[in-house]
C-alpha atoms as a PDB file:
ATOM      1  CA  UNK A   1    -151.408-107.240  -7.166  1.00  0.00           C
ATOM      2  CA  UNK A   2    -153.015-106.104  -3.924  1.00  0.00           C
ATOM      3  CA  UNK A   3    -153.882-109.737  -3.140  1.00  0.00           C
ATOM      4  CA  UNK A   4    -150.214-110.725  -3.105  1.00  0.00           C
ATOM      5  CA  UNK A   5    -149.351-107.672  -0.993  1.00  0.00           C
ATOM      6  CA  UNK A   6    -151.823-108.648   1.723  1.00  0.00           C
ATOM      7  CA  UNK A   7    -150.307-112.116   1.886  1.00  0.00           C
ATOM      8  CA  UNK A   8    -146.880-110.569   2.429  1.00  0.00           C
ATOM      9  CA  UNK A   9    -148.214-108.085   4.977  1.00  0.00           C
ATOM     10  CA  UNK A  10    -149.364-110.824   7.334  1.00  0.00           C
ATOM     11  CA  UNK A  11    -146.386-113.114   8.013  1.00  0.00           C
ATOM     12  CA  UNK A  12    -147.152-116.268   9.889  1.00  0.00           C
ATOM     13  CA  UNK A  13    -145.014-117.890  12.509  1.00  0.00           C
ATOM     14  CA  UNK A  14    -144.442-121.568  11.897  1.00  0.00           C
ATOM     15  CA  UNK A  15    -143.370-122.189  15.492  1.00  0.00           C
ATOM     16  CA  UNK A  16    -146.545-122.684  17.436  1.00  0.00           C
ATOM     17  CA  UNK A  17    -146.795-123.347  21.144  1.00  0.00           C
ATOM     18  CA  UNK A  18    -148.678-126.587  21.435  1.00  0.00           C
ATOM     19  CA  UNK A  19    -149.908-128.429  24.487  1.00  0.00           C
ATOM     20  CA  UNK A  20    -146.491-130.063  25.023  1.00  0.00           C
ATOM     21  CA  UNK A  21    -144.703-126.703  25.162  1.00  0.00           C
ATOM     22  CA  UNK A  22    -147.311-125.309  27.542  1.00  0.00           C
ATOM     23  CA  UNK A  23    -147.049-128.421  29.718  1.00  0.00           C
ATOM     24  CA  UNK A  24    -143.275-128.115  29.812  1.00  0.00           C
ATOM     25  CA  UNK A  25    -143.561-124.465  30.807  1.00  0.00           C
ATOM     26  CA  UNK A  26    -146.021-125.308  33.589  1.00  0.00           C
ATOM     27  CA  UNK A  27    -143.698-128.054  34.806  1.00  0.00           C
ATOM     28  CA  UNK A  28    -140.779-125.608  34.923  1.00  0.00           C
ATOM     29  CA  UNK A  29    -142.853-123.134  36.921  1.00  0.00           C
ATOM     30  CA  UNK A  30    -143.833-125.817  39.418  1.00  0.00           C
ATOM     31  CA  UNK A  31    -140.235-126.994  39.757  1.00  0.00           C
ATOM     32  CA  UNK A  32    -139.077-123.453  40.432  1.00  0.00           C
ATOM     33  CA  UNK A  33    -141.804-122.996  43.042  1.00  0.00           C
ATOM     34  CA  UNK A  34    -140.709-126.290  44.623  1.00  0.00           C
ATOM     35  CA  UNK A  35    -137.117-125.074  44.823  1.00  0.00           C
ATOM     36  CA  UNK A  36    -138.315-121.906  46.569  1.00  0.00           C
ATOM     37  CA  UNK A  37    -140.486-123.903  48.988  1.00  0.00           C
ATOM     38  CA  UNK A  38    -137.595-126.233  49.794  1.00  0.00           C
ATOM     39  CA  UNK A  39    -135.304-123.253  50.401  1.00  0.00           C
ATOM     40  CA  UNK A  40    -137.877-121.810  52.789  1.00  0.00           C
ATOM     41  CA  UNK A  41    -138.259-125.237  54.419  1.00  0.00           C
ATOM     42  CA  UNK A  42    -142.005-125.191  53.749  1.00  0.00           C
ATOM     43  CA  UNK A  43    -142.792-128.901  53.945  1.00  0.00           C
ATOM     44  CA  UNK A  44    -146.543-128.506  53.317  1.00  0.00           C
ATOM     45  CA  UNK A  45    -146.058-126.420  50.155  1.00  0.00           C
ATOM     46  CA  UNK A  46    -143.262-128.723  48.955  1.00  0.00           C
ATOM     47  CA  UNK A  47    -145.555-131.735  49.266  1.00  0.00           C
ATOM     48  CA  UNK A  48    -148.336-129.936  47.342  1.00  0.00           C
ATOM     49  CA  UNK A  49    -145.951-128.963  44.561  1.00  0.00           C
ATOM     50  CA  UNK A  50    -144.519-132.481  44.323  1.00  0.00           C
ATOM     51  CA  UNK A  51    -148.055-133.808  43.867  1.00  0.00           C
ATOM     52  CA  UNK A  52    -148.745-131.285  41.116  1.00  0.00           C
ATOM     53  CA  UNK A  53    -145.472-132.154  39.375  1.00  0.00           C
ATOM     54  CA  UNK A  54    -146.307-135.858  39.546  1.00  0.00           C
ATOM     55  CA  UNK A  55    -149.785-135.165  38.134  1.00  0.00           C
ATOM     56  CA  UNK A  56    -148.164-133.497  35.108  1.00  0.00           C
ATOM     57  CA  UNK A  57    -146.043-136.575  34.567  1.00  0.00           C
ATOM     58  CA  UNK A  58    -143.033-135.397  36.502  1.00  0.00           C
ATOM     59  CA  UNK A  59    -139.714-134.583  34.934  1.00  0.00           C
ATOM     60  CA  UNK A  60    -138.706-137.374  32.590  1.00  0.00           C
ATOM     61  CA  UNK A  61    -135.158-136.099  32.058  1.00  0.00           C
ATOM     62  CA  UNK A  62    -132.394-135.733  34.568  1.00  0.00           C
ATOM     63  CA  UNK A  63    -131.871-132.302  36.147  1.00  0.00           C
ATOM     64  CA  UNK A  64    -129.450-130.146  34.229  1.00  0.00           C
ATOM     65  CA  UNK A  65    -129.990-131.887  30.883  1.00  0.00           C
END
């Protein structure tokens, strides 16, 4: 019976963060940084962030969706 107890004692999460989720999170972070750079009117940083966003594949959905 101890074997079945150990299986119950270690629940497993079926929602795993895969590469797509991590990529989406990185894209969100870059977009937020871009918004900050644009607010500060930092053209050099904005250009760098736009390049990084494009390298990740950009945002394929419209803003706000």
